[in-house]
Amino acid sequence: MSELRTAEVEDLLEVLVSVQDTDTAFALLEDLFTIREIKETSQRLSVARMLDSGKPYVAIEEATGASATTIARVSKALNYGAGGYRSALDVLKRVDRAPRREAACE
């Protein structure tokens, strides 16, 4: 996919890695993507998380509403892709282990 790494894509990558907080990231998502694209993308991440935890396709379909085709695509990318889902899941695991902001305020 090296032909995809254009100057415009490099600019987008620089912006993404520079975002420091979830509010700014959300604002960027709202401006860059449609509501449907945000929902579908976040759904894929949920599917990846469930696949990684060993959930069967039927349970993932029921929990997320994702189609079997989407689940299969995510599974293929998770197992044989460029490692993006794995990196994202590692981030989510670190976040899950971190104390919640609300708990820190109590």
PDB file of N, CA and C in Angstrom:
ATOM      1  N   MET A   1       0.818  -1.200   0.000  1.00  0.00           N
ATOM      2  CA  MET A   1       0.000   0.000   0.000  1.00  0.00           C
ATOM      3  C   MET A   1       0.854   1.254   0.000  1.00  0.00           C
ATOM      4  N   SER A   2       2.075   1.149  -0.445  1.00  0.00           N
ATOM      5  CA  SER A   2       2.967   2.306  -0.429  1.00  0.00           C
ATOM      6  C   SER A   2       2.433   3.446  -1.287  1.00  0.00           C
ATOM      7  N   GLU A   3       1.633   3.141  -2.314  1.00  0.00           N
ATOM      8  CA  GLU A   3       1.068   4.209  -3.143  1.00  0.00           C
ATOM      9  C   GLU A   3       0.048   5.045  -2.377  1.00  0.00           C
ATOM     10  N   LEU A   4      -0.425   4.536  -1.260  1.00  0.00           N
ATOM     11  CA  LEU A   4      -1.371   5.272  -0.421  1.00  0.00           C
ATOM     12  C   LEU A   4      -0.669   6.321   0.444  1.00  0.00           C
ATOM     13  N   ARG A   5       0.610   6.157   0.687  1.00  0.00           N
ATOM     14  CA  ARG A   5       1.368   7.077   1.553  1.00  0.00           C
ATOM     15  C   ARG A   5       1.766   8.330   0.778  1.00  0.00           C
ATOM     16  N   THR A   6       0.762   9.107   0.415  1.00  0.00           N
ATOM     17  CA  THR A   6       0.971  10.359  -0.307  1.00  0.00           C
ATOM     18  C   THR A   6       1.323  11.463   0.686  1.00  0.00           C
ATOM     19  N   ALA A   7       1.657  12.626   0.171  1.00  0.00           N
ATOM     20  CA  ALA A   7       1.935  13.784   1.028  1.00  0.00           C
ATOM     21  C   ALA A   7       0.707  14.134   1.870  1.00  0.00           C
ATOM     22  N   GLU A   8      -0.485  14.010   1.288  1.00  0.00           N
ATOM     23  CA  GLU A   8      -1.717  14.315   2.018  1.00  0.00           C
ATOM     24  C   GLU A   8      -1.923  13.328   3.164  1.00  0.00           C
ATOM     25  N   VAL A   9      -1.655  12.059   2.907  1.00  0.00           N
ATOM     26  CA  VAL A   9      -1.793  11.041   3.953  1.00  0.00           C
ATOM     27  C   VAL A   9      -0.753  11.285   5.046  1.00  0.00           C
ATOM     28  N   GLU A  10       0.441  11.653   4.664  1.00  0.00           N
ATOM     29  CA  GLU A  10       1.478  11.965   5.650  1.00  0.00           C
ATOM     30  C   GLU A  10       1.051  13.133   6.532  1.00  0.00           C
ATOM     31  N   ASP A  11       0.414  14.148   5.942  1.00  0.00           N
ATOM     32  CA  ASP A  11      -0.107  15.270   6.728  1.00  0.00           C
ATOM     33  C   ASP A  11      -1.150  14.790   7.737  1.00  0.00           C
ATOM     34  N   LEU A  12      -2.056  13.936   7.289  1.00  0.00           N
ATOM     35  CA  LEU A  12      -3.074  13.389   8.175  1.00  0.00           C
ATOM     36  C   LEU A  12      -2.434  12.600   9.309  1.00  0.00           C
ATOM     37  N   LEU A  13      -1.435  11.801   9.002  1.00  0.00           N
ATOM     38  CA  LEU A  13      -0.743  11.025  10.028  1.00  0.00           C
ATOM     39  C   LEU A  13      -0.100  11.934  11.069  1.00  0.00           C
ATOM     40  N   GLU A  14       0.515  13.004  10.608  1.00  0.00           N
ATOM     41  CA  GLU A  14       1.136  13.958  11.541  1.00  0.00           C
ATOM     42  C   GLU A  14       0.095  14.573  12.469  1.00  0.00           C
ATOM     43  N   VAL A  15      -1.051  14.916  11.912  1.00  0.00           N
ATOM     44  CA  VAL A  15      -2.125  15.483  12.737  1.00  0.00           C
ATOM     45  C   VAL A  15      -2.601  14.453  13.756  1.00  0.00           C
ATOM     46  N   LEU A  16      -2.821  13.219  13.314  1.00  0.00           N
ATOM     47  CA  LEU A  16      -3.325  12.179  14.214  1.00  0.00           C
ATOM     48  C   LEU A  16      -2.371  11.907  15.374  1.00  0.00           C
ATOM     49  N   VAL A  17      -1.085  11.822  15.093  1.00  0.00           N
ATOM     50  CA  VAL A  17      -0.147  11.526  16.183  1.00  0.00           C
ATOM     51  C   VAL A  17       0.082  12.716  17.098  1.00  0.00           C
ATOM     52  N   SER A  18      -0.313  13.895  16.665  1.00  0.00           N
ATOM     53  CA  SER A  18      -0.106  15.076  17.504  1.00  0.00           C
ATOM     54  C   SER A  18      -1.278  15.363  18.438  1.00  0.00           C
ATOM     55  N   VAL A  19      -2.420  14.746  18.204  1.00  0.00           N
ATOM     56  CA  VAL A  19      -3.597  14.999  19.041  1.00  0.00           C
ATOM     57  C   VAL A  19      -3.331  14.464  20.449  1.00  0.00           C
ATOM     58  N   GLN A  20      -3.531  15.317  21.439  1.00  0.00           N
ATOM     59  CA  GLN A  20      -3.154  14.996  22.810  1.00  0.00           C
ATOM     60  C   GLN A  20      -4.317  14.623  23.733  1.00  0.00           C
ATOM     61  N   ASP A  21      -5.552  14.902  23.328  1.00  0.00           N
ATOM     62  CA  ASP A  21      -6.665  14.614  24.231  1.00  0.00           C
ATOM     63  C   ASP A  21      -7.888  14.146  23.445  1.00  0.00           C
ATOM     64  N   THR A  22      -8.789  13.480  24.142  1.00  0.00           N
ATOM     65  CA  THR A  22      -9.942  12.880  23.475  1.00  0.00           C
ATOM     66  C   THR A  22     -10.916  13.919  22.932  1.00  0.00           C
ATOM     67  N   ASP A  23     -11.031  15.076  23.574  1.00  0.00           N
ATOM     68  CA  ASP A  23     -11.941  16.111  23.068  1.00  0.00           C
ATOM     69  C   ASP A  23     -11.472  16.645  21.715  1.00  0.00           C
ATOM     70  N   THR A  24     -10.172  16.873  21.589  1.00  0.00           N
ATOM     71  CA  THR A  24      -9.616  17.333  20.315  1.00  0.00           C
ATOM     72  C   THR A  24      -9.746  16.232  19.261  1.00  0.00           C
ATOM     73  N   ALA A  25      -9.496  15.007  19.651  1.00  0.00           N
ATOM     74  CA  ALA A  25      -9.621  13.886  18.720  1.00  0.00           C
ATOM     75  C   ALA A  25     -11.062  13.751  18.237  1.00  0.00           C
ATOM     76  N   PHE A  26     -12.014  13.898  19.156  1.00  0.00           N
ATOM     77  CA  PHE A  26     -13.418  13.801  18.778  1.00  0.00           C
ATOM     78  C   PHE A  26     -13.806  14.921  17.817  1.00  0.00           C
ATOM     79  N   ALA A  27     -13.348  16.131  18.095  1.00  0.00           N
ATOM     80  CA  ALA A  27     -13.636  17.262  17.205  1.00  0.00           C
ATOM     81  C   ALA A  27     -13.077  16.996  15.806  1.00  0.00           C
ATOM     82  N   LEU A  28     -11.881  16.432  15.744  1.00  0.00           N
ATOM     83  CA  LEU A  28     -11.289  16.091  14.455  1.00  0.00           C
ATOM     84  C   LEU A  28     -12.121  15.038  13.734  1.00  0.00           C
ATOM     85  N   LEU A  29     -12.538  13.997  14.456  1.00  0.00           N
ATOM     86  CA  LEU A  29     -13.385  12.964  13.849  1.00  0.00           C
ATOM     87  C   LEU A  29     -14.678  13.566  13.307  1.00  0.00           C
ATOM     88  N   GLU A  30     -15.301  14.436  14.111  1.00  0.00           N
ATOM     89  CA  GLU A  30     -16.552  15.063  13.676  1.00  0.00           C
ATOM     90  C   GLU A  30     -16.373  15.861  12.398  1.00  0.00           C
ATOM     91  N   ASP A  31     -15.237  16.514  12.264  1.00  0.00           N
ATOM     92  CA  ASP A  31     -14.994  17.336  11.081  1.00  0.00           C
ATOM     93  C   ASP A  31     -14.547  16.518   9.870  1.00  0.00           C
ATOM     94  N   LEU A  32     -13.805  15.459  10.107  1.00  0.00           N
ATOM     95  CA  LEU A  32     -13.272  14.656   8.997  1.00  0.00           C
ATOM     96  C   LEU A  32     -14.257  13.630   8.456  1.00  0.00           C
ATOM     97  N   PHE A  33     -15.052  13.030   9.346  1.00  0.00           N
ATOM     98  CA  PHE A  33     -15.883  11.896   8.959  1.00  0.00           C
ATOM     99  C   PHE A  33     -17.364  12.181   9.150  1.00  0.00           C
ATOM    100  N   THR A  34     -18.184  11.406   8.442  1.00  0.00           N
ATOM    101  CA  THR A  34     -19.622  11.471   8.672  1.00  0.00           C
ATOM    102  C   THR A  34     -19.931  10.702   9.952  1.00  0.00           C
ATOM    103  N   ILE A  35     -21.119  10.921  10.481  1.00  0.00           N
ATOM    104  CA  ILE A  35     -21.551  10.181  11.673  1.00  0.00           C
ATOM    105  C   ILE A  35     -21.490   8.684  11.394  1.00  0.00           C
ATOM    106  N   ARG A  36     -21.944   8.290  10.233  1.00  0.00           N
ATOM    107  CA  ARG A  36     -21.924   6.871   9.863  1.00  0.00           C
ATOM    108  C   ARG A  36     -20.503   6.320   9.841  1.00  0.00           C
ATOM    109  N   GLU A  37     -19.567   7.067   9.274  1.00  0.00           N
ATOM    110  CA  GLU A  37     -18.170   6.615   9.220  1.00  0.00           C
ATOM    111  C   GLU A  37     -17.574   6.477  10.618  1.00  0.00           C
ATOM    112  N   ILE A  38     -17.899   7.392  11.514  1.00  0.00           N
ATOM    113  CA  ILE A  38     -17.412   7.301  12.893  1.00  0.00           C
ATOM    114  C   ILE A  38     -17.980   6.055  13.555  1.00  0.00           C
ATOM    115  N   LYS A  39     -19.273   5.826  13.389  1.00  0.00           N
ATOM    116  CA  LYS A  39     -19.910   4.654  13.998  1.00  0.00           C
ATOM    117  C   LYS A  39     -19.337   3.359  13.438  1.00  0.00           C
ATOM    118  N   GLU A  40     -19.165   3.300  12.112  1.00  0.00           N
ATOM    119  CA  GLU A  40     -18.642   2.079  11.494  1.00  0.00           C
ATOM    120  C   GLU A  40     -17.199   1.813  11.904  1.00  0.00           C
ATOM    121  N   THR A  41     -16.401   2.855  11.985  1.00  0.00           N
ATOM    122  CA  THR A  41     -15.004   2.696  12.365  1.00  0.00           C
ATOM    123  C   THR A  41     -14.887   2.251  13.821  1.00  0.00           C
ATOM    124  N   SER A  42     -15.654   2.859  14.694  1.00  0.00           N
ATOM    125  CA  SER A  42     -15.606   2.467  16.106  1.00  0.00           C
ATOM    126  C   SER A  42     -16.171   1.061  16.290  1.00  0.00           C
ATOM    127  N   GLN A  43     -17.153   0.685  15.463  1.00  0.00           N
ATOM    128  CA  GLN A  43     -17.691  -0.670  15.502  1.00  0.00           C
ATOM    129  C   GLN A  43     -16.601  -1.685  15.148  1.00  0.00           C
ATOM    130  N   ARG A  44     -15.789  -1.386  14.138  1.00  0.00           N
ATOM    131  CA  ARG A  44     -14.701  -2.287  13.741  1.00  0.00           C
ATOM    132  C   ARG A  44     -13.708  -2.480  14.877  1.00  0.00           C
ATOM    133  N   LEU A  45     -13.432  -1.426  15.605  1.00  0.00           N
ATOM    134  CA  LEU A  45     -12.526  -1.539  16.739  1.00  0.00           C
ATOM    135  C   LEU A  45     -13.134  -2.420  17.832  1.00  0.00           C
ATOM    136  N   SER A  46     -14.428  -2.296  18.066  1.00  0.00           N
ATOM    137  CA  SER A  46     -15.117  -3.168  19.023  1.00  0.00           C
ATOM    138  C   SER A  46     -15.062  -4.613  18.569  1.00  0.00           C
ATOM    139  N   VAL A  47     -15.249  -4.830  17.281  1.00  0.00           N
ATOM    140  CA  VAL A  47     -15.165  -6.181  16.716  1.00  0.00           C
ATOM    141  C   VAL A  47     -13.763  -6.743  16.940  1.00  0.00           C
ATOM    142  N   ALA A  48     -12.748  -5.957  16.675  1.00  0.00           N
ATOM    143  CA  ALA A  48     -11.367  -6.412  16.866  1.00  0.00           C
ATOM    144  C   ALA A  48     -11.122  -6.782  18.326  1.00  0.00           C
ATOM    145  N   ARG A  49     -11.613  -5.963  19.219  1.00  0.00           N
ATOM    146  CA  ARG A  49     -11.446  -6.231  20.659  1.00  0.00           C
ATOM    147  C   ARG A  49     -12.113  -7.557  21.042  1.00  0.00           C
ATOM    148  N   MET A  50     -13.314  -7.774  20.528  1.00  0.00           N
ATOM    149  CA  MET A  50     -14.029  -9.004  20.849  1.00  0.00           C
ATOM    150  C   MET A  50     -13.370 -10.219  20.208  1.00  0.00           C
ATOM    151  N   LEU A  51     -12.907 -10.090  18.973  1.00  0.00           N
ATOM    152  CA  LEU A  51     -12.177 -11.184  18.332  1.00  0.00           C
ATOM    153  C   LEU A  51     -10.926 -11.528  19.128  1.00  0.00           C
ATOM    154  N   ASP A  52     -10.225 -10.505  19.566  1.00  0.00           N
ATOM    155  CA  ASP A  52      -8.990 -10.704  20.324  1.00  0.00           C
ATOM    156  C   ASP A  52      -9.241 -11.415  21.644  1.00  0.00           C
ATOM    157  N   SER A  53     -10.437 -11.212  22.198  1.00  0.00           N
ATOM    158  CA  SER A  53     -10.768 -11.878  23.461  1.00  0.00           C
ATOM    159  C   SER A  53     -11.360 -13.271  23.246  1.00  0.00           C
ATOM    160  N   GLY A  54     -11.462 -13.693  21.968  1.00  0.00           N
ATOM    161  CA  GLY A  54     -11.907 -15.053  21.670  1.00  0.00           C
ATOM    162  C   GLY A  54     -13.392 -15.233  21.480  1.00  0.00           C
ATOM    163  N   LYS A  55     -14.128 -14.144  21.374  1.00  0.00           N
ATOM    164  CA  LYS A  55     -15.580 -14.259  21.184  1.00  0.00           C
ATOM    165  C   LYS A  55     -15.898 -14.843  19.802  1.00  0.00           C
ATOM    166  N   PRO A  56     -16.921 -15.680  19.713  1.00  0.00           N
ATOM    167  CA  PRO A  56     -17.327 -16.226  18.409  1.00  0.00           C
ATOM    168  C   PRO A  56     -18.063 -15.182  17.565  1.00  0.00           C
ATOM    169  N   TYR A  57     -18.048 -15.398  16.245  1.00  0.00           N
ATOM    170  CA  TYR A  57     -18.670 -14.459  15.309  1.00  0.00           C
ATOM    171  C   TYR A  57     -20.114 -14.156  15.679  1.00  0.00           C
ATOM    172  N   VAL A  58     -20.886 -15.178  16.033  1.00  0.00           N
ATOM    173  CA  VAL A  58     -22.311 -14.969  16.326  1.00  0.00           C
ATOM    174  C   VAL A  58     -22.484 -14.016  17.501  1.00  0.00           C
ATOM    175  N   ALA A  59     -21.686 -14.184  18.540  1.00  0.00           N
ATOM    176  CA  ALA A  59     -21.771 -13.303  19.705  1.00  0.00           C
ATOM    177  C   ALA A  59     -21.366 -11.872  19.332  1.00  0.00           C
ATOM    178  N   ILE A  60     -20.364 -11.743  18.455  1.00  0.00           N
ATOM    179  CA  ILE A  60     -19.913 -10.423  18.021  1.00  0.00           C
ATOM    180  C   ILE A  60     -20.995  -9.749  17.186  1.00  0.00           C
ATOM    181  N   GLU A  61     -21.622 -10.518  16.290  1.00  0.00           N
ATOM    182  CA  GLU A  61     -22.726  -9.976  15.480  1.00  0.00           C
ATOM    183  C   GLU A  61     -23.831  -9.442  16.376  1.00  0.00           C
ATOM    184  N   GLU A  62     -24.206 -10.232  17.373  1.00  0.00           N
ATOM    185  CA  GLU A  62     -25.295  -9.836  18.271  1.00  0.00           C
ATOM    186  C   GLU A  62     -24.924  -8.610  19.095  1.00  0.00           C
ATOM    187  N   ALA A  63     -23.700  -8.558  19.577  1.00  0.00           N
ATOM    188  CA  ALA A  63     -23.280  -7.464  20.454  1.00  0.00           C
ATOM    189  C   ALA A  63     -23.047  -6.153  19.709  1.00  0.00           C
ATOM    190  N   THR A  64     -22.543  -6.250  18.476  1.00  0.00           N
ATOM    191  CA  THR A  64     -22.141  -5.030  17.766  1.00  0.00           C
ATOM    192  C   THR A  64     -23.041  -4.649  16.606  1.00  0.00           C
ATOM    193  N   GLY A  65     -23.772  -5.615  16.079  1.00  0.00           N
ATOM    194  CA  GLY A  65     -24.569  -5.363  14.880  1.00  0.00           C
ATOM    195  C   GLY A  65     -23.748  -5.444  13.602  1.00  0.00           C
ATOM    196  N   ALA A  66     -22.479  -5.789  13.728  1.00  0.00           N
ATOM    197  CA  ALA A  66     -21.612  -5.905  12.549  1.00  0.00           C
ATOM    198  C   ALA A  66     -22.004  -7.139  11.746  1.00  0.00           C
ATOM    199  N   SER A  67     -21.849  -7.043  10.433  1.00  0.00           N
ATOM    200  CA  SER A  67     -22.147  -8.179   9.572  1.00  0.00           C
ATOM    201  C   SER A  67     -21.028  -9.212   9.663  1.00  0.00           C
ATOM    202  N   ALA A  68     -21.334 -10.433   9.252  1.00  0.00           N
ATOM    203  CA  ALA A  68     -20.322 -11.490   9.221  1.00  0.00           C
ATOM    204  C   ALA A  68     -19.163 -11.091   8.306  1.00  0.00           C
ATOM    205  N   THR A  69     -19.466 -10.382   7.228  1.00  0.00           N
ATOM    206  CA  THR A  69     -18.420  -9.925   6.303  1.00  0.00           C
ATOM    207  C   THR A  69     -17.484  -8.937   6.990  1.00  0.00           C
ATOM    208  N   THR A  70     -18.050  -7.991   7.726  1.00  0.00           N
ATOM    209  CA  THR A  70     -17.222  -7.028   8.454  1.00  0.00           C
ATOM    210  C   THR A  70     -16.367  -7.737   9.495  1.00  0.00           C
ATOM    211  N   ILE A  71     -16.954  -8.658  10.215  1.00  0.00           N
ATOM    212  CA  ILE A  71     -16.206  -9.397  11.235  1.00  0.00           C
ATOM    213  C   ILE A  71     -15.065 -10.176  10.593  1.00  0.00           C
ATOM    214  N   ALA A  72     -15.328 -10.810   9.454  1.00  0.00           N
ATOM    215  CA  ALA A  72     -14.287 -11.560   8.754  1.00  0.00           C
ATOM    216  C   ALA A  72     -13.163 -10.639   8.276  1.00  0.00           C
ATOM    217  N   ARG A  73     -13.520  -9.466   7.766  1.00  0.00           N
ATOM    218  CA  ARG A  73     -12.497  -8.509   7.321  1.00  0.00           C
ATOM    219  C   ARG A  73     -11.632  -8.033   8.474  1.00  0.00           C
ATOM    220  N   VAL A  74     -12.274  -7.735   9.594  1.00  0.00           N
ATOM    221  CA  VAL A  74     -11.521  -7.299  10.765  1.00  0.00           C
ATOM    222  C   VAL A  74     -10.621  -8.431  11.255  1.00  0.00           C
ATOM    223  N   SER A  75     -11.149  -9.645  11.259  1.00  0.00           N
ATOM    224  CA  SER A  75     -10.352 -10.800  11.675  1.00  0.00           C
ATOM    225  C   SER A  75      -9.126 -10.976  10.790  1.00  0.00           C
ATOM    226  N   LYS A  76      -9.314 -10.857   9.500  1.00  0.00           N
ATOM    227  CA  LYS A  76      -8.198 -10.987   8.558  1.00  0.00           C
ATOM    228  C   LYS A  76      -7.150  -9.906   8.815  1.00  0.00           C
ATOM    229  N   ALA A  77      -7.608  -8.672   8.998  1.00  0.00           N
ATOM    230  CA  ALA A  77      -6.679  -7.567   9.258  1.00  0.00           C
ATOM    231  C   ALA A  77      -5.983  -7.749  10.605  1.00  0.00           C
ATOM    232  N   LEU A  78      -6.718  -8.207  11.592  1.00  0.00           N
ATOM    233  CA  LEU A  78      -6.152  -8.422  12.919  1.00  0.00           C
ATOM    234  C   LEU A  78      -5.053  -9.479  12.884  1.00  0.00           C
ATOM    235  N   ASN A  79      -5.279 -10.524  12.107  1.00  0.00           N
ATOM    236  CA  ASN A  79      -4.342 -11.641  12.066  1.00  0.00           C
ATOM    237  C   ASN A  79      -3.247 -11.513  11.011  1.00  0.00           C
ATOM    238  N   TYR A  80      -3.546 -10.853   9.900  1.00  0.00           N
ATOM    239  CA  TYR A  80      -2.593 -10.820   8.791  1.00  0.00           C
ATOM    240  C   TYR A  80      -2.322  -9.419   8.252  1.00  0.00           C
ATOM    241  N   GLY A  81      -2.843  -8.413   8.915  1.00  0.00           N
ATOM    242  CA  GLY A  81      -2.717  -7.042   8.421  1.00  0.00           C
ATOM    243  C   GLY A  81      -1.407  -6.388   8.813  1.00  0.00           C
ATOM    244  N   ALA A  82      -1.399  -5.091   8.773  1.00  0.00           N
ATOM    245  CA  ALA A  82      -0.191  -4.302   9.008  1.00  0.00           C
ATOM    246  C   ALA A  82       0.111  -4.085  10.491  1.00  0.00           C
ATOM    247  N   GLY A  83      -0.768  -4.534  11.371  1.00  0.00           N
ATOM    248  CA  GLY A  83      -0.534  -4.381  12.804  1.00  0.00           C
ATOM    249  C   GLY A  83      -1.255  -3.208  13.444  1.00  0.00           C
ATOM    250  N   GLY A  84      -2.056  -2.512  12.672  1.00  0.00           N
ATOM    251  CA  GLY A  84      -2.776  -1.358  13.204  1.00  0.00           C
ATOM    252  C   GLY A  84      -3.783  -1.720  14.283  1.00  0.00           C
ATOM    253  N   TYR A  85      -4.549  -2.775  14.042  1.00  0.00           N
ATOM    254  CA  TYR A  85      -5.500  -3.199  15.068  1.00  0.00           C
ATOM    255  C   TYR A  85      -4.768  -3.631  16.326  1.00  0.00           C
ATOM    256  N   ARG A  86      -3.674  -4.356  16.175  1.00  0.00           N
ATOM    257  CA  ARG A  86      -2.918  -4.810  17.346  1.00  0.00           C
ATOM    258  C   ARG A  86      -2.442  -3.611  18.162  1.00  0.00           C
ATOM    259  N   SER A  87      -1.922  -2.595  17.494  1.00  0.00           N
ATOM    260  CA  SER A  87      -1.476  -1.392  18.194  1.00  0.00           C
ATOM    261  C   SER A  87      -2.642  -0.710  18.903  1.00  0.00           C
ATOM    262  N   ALA A  88      -3.776  -0.634  18.224  1.00  0.00           N
ATOM    263  CA  ALA A  88      -4.962  -0.008  18.823  1.00  0.00           C
ATOM    264  C   ALA A  88      -5.430  -0.794  20.044  1.00  0.00           C
ATOM    265  N   LEU A  89      -5.430  -2.110  19.949  1.00  0.00           N
ATOM    266  CA  LEU A  89      -5.848  -2.935  21.081  1.00  0.00           C
ATOM    267  C   LEU A  89      -4.877  -2.796  22.247  1.00  0.00           C
ATOM    268  N   ASP A  90      -3.598  -2.665  21.958  1.00  0.00           N
ATOM    269  CA  ASP A  90      -2.609  -2.433  23.018  1.00  0.00           C
ATOM    270  C   ASP A  90      -2.888  -1.115  23.737  1.00  0.00           C
ATOM    271  N   VAL A  91      -3.242  -0.084  22.976  1.00  0.00           N
ATOM    272  CA  VAL A  91      -3.602   1.210  23.581  1.00  0.00           C
ATOM    273  C   VAL A  91      -4.815   1.031  24.477  1.00  0.00           C
ATOM    274  N   LEU A  92      -5.833   0.331  23.985  1.00  0.00           N
ATOM    275  CA  LEU A  92      -7.050   0.142  24.774  1.00  0.00           C
ATOM    276  C   LEU A  92      -6.773  -0.658  26.041  1.00  0.00           C
ATOM    277  N   LYS A  93      -5.893  -1.625  25.966  1.00  0.00           N
ATOM    278  CA  LYS A  93      -5.540  -2.394  27.165  1.00  0.00           C
ATOM    279  C   LYS A  93      -4.849  -1.509  28.190  1.00  0.00           C
ATOM    280  N   ARG A  94      -3.984  -0.619  27.740  1.00  0.00           N
ATOM    281  CA  ARG A  94      -3.321   0.309  28.671  1.00  0.00           C
ATOM    282  C   ARG A  94      -4.343   1.258  29.292  1.00  0.00           C
ATOM    283  N   VAL A  95      -5.271   1.745  28.492  1.00  0.00           N
ATOM    284  CA  VAL A  95      -6.301   2.656  28.993  1.00  0.00           C
ATOM    285  C   VAL A  95      -7.190   1.935  29.998  1.00  0.00           C
ATOM    286  N   ASP A  96      -7.538   0.677  29.712  1.00  0.00           N
ATOM    287  CA  ASP A  96      -8.385  -0.096  30.627  1.00  0.00           C
ATOM    288  C   ASP A  96      -7.716  -0.303  31.974  1.00  0.00           C
ATOM    289  N   ARG A  97      -6.401  -0.402  31.985  1.00  0.00           N
ATOM    290  CA  ARG A  97      -5.664  -0.617  33.237  1.00  0.00           C
ATOM    291  C   ARG A  97      -5.451   0.684  34.000  1.00  0.00           C
ATOM    292  N   ALA A  98      -5.503   1.802  33.300  1.00  0.00           N
ATOM    293  CA  ALA A  98      -5.244   3.097  33.939  1.00  0.00           C
ATOM    294  C   ALA A  98      -6.435   3.490  34.796  1.00  0.00           C
ATOM    295  N   PRO A  99      -6.173   4.174  35.899  1.00  0.00           N
ATOM    296  CA  PRO A  99      -7.289   4.644  36.738  1.00  0.00           C
ATOM    297  C   PRO A  99      -8.160   5.628  35.960  1.00  0.00           C
ATOM    298  N   ARG A 100      -9.433   5.534  36.148  1.00  0.00           N
ATOM    299  CA  ARG A 100     -10.373   6.447  35.497  1.00  0.00           C
ATOM    300  C   ARG A 100     -10.224   7.848  36.066  1.00  0.00           C
ATOM    301  N   ARG A 101     -10.447   8.839  35.213  1.00  0.00           N
ATOM    302  CA  ARG A 101     -10.341  10.237  35.652  1.00  0.00           C
ATOM    303  C   ARG A 101     -11.310  10.531  36.788  1.00  0.00           C
ATOM    304  N   GLU A 102     -12.541   9.977  36.700  1.00  0.00           N
ATOM    305  CA  GLU A 102     -13.533  10.235  37.737  1.00  0.00           C
ATOM    306  C   GLU A 102     -13.041   9.685  39.073  1.00  0.00           C
ATOM    307  N   ALA A 103     -12.436   8.494  39.050  1.00  0.00           N
ATOM    308  CA  ALA A 103     -11.939   7.886  40.271  1.00  0.00           C
ATOM    309  C   ALA A 103     -10.798   8.706  40.868  1.00  0.00           C
ATOM    310  N   ALA A 104      -9.996   9.301  39.997  1.00  0.00           N
ATOM    311  CA  ALA A 104      -8.871  10.107  40.470  1.00  0.00           C
ATOM    312  C   ALA A 104      -9.356  11.381  41.164  1.00  0.00           C
ATOM    313  N   CYS A 105     -10.542  11.855  40.803  1.00  0.00           N
ATOM    314  CA  CYS A 105     -11.068  13.090  41.386  1.00  0.00           C
ATOM    315  C   CYS A 105     -11.711  12.864  42.745  1.00  0.00           C
ATOM    316  N   GLU A 106     -12.026  11.623  43.063  1.00  0.00           N
ATOM    317  CA  GLU A 106     -12.742  11.338  44.320  1.00  0.00           C
ATOM    318  C   GLU A 106     -11.822  11.373  45.514  1.00  0.00           C
TER     319      GLU A 106
END
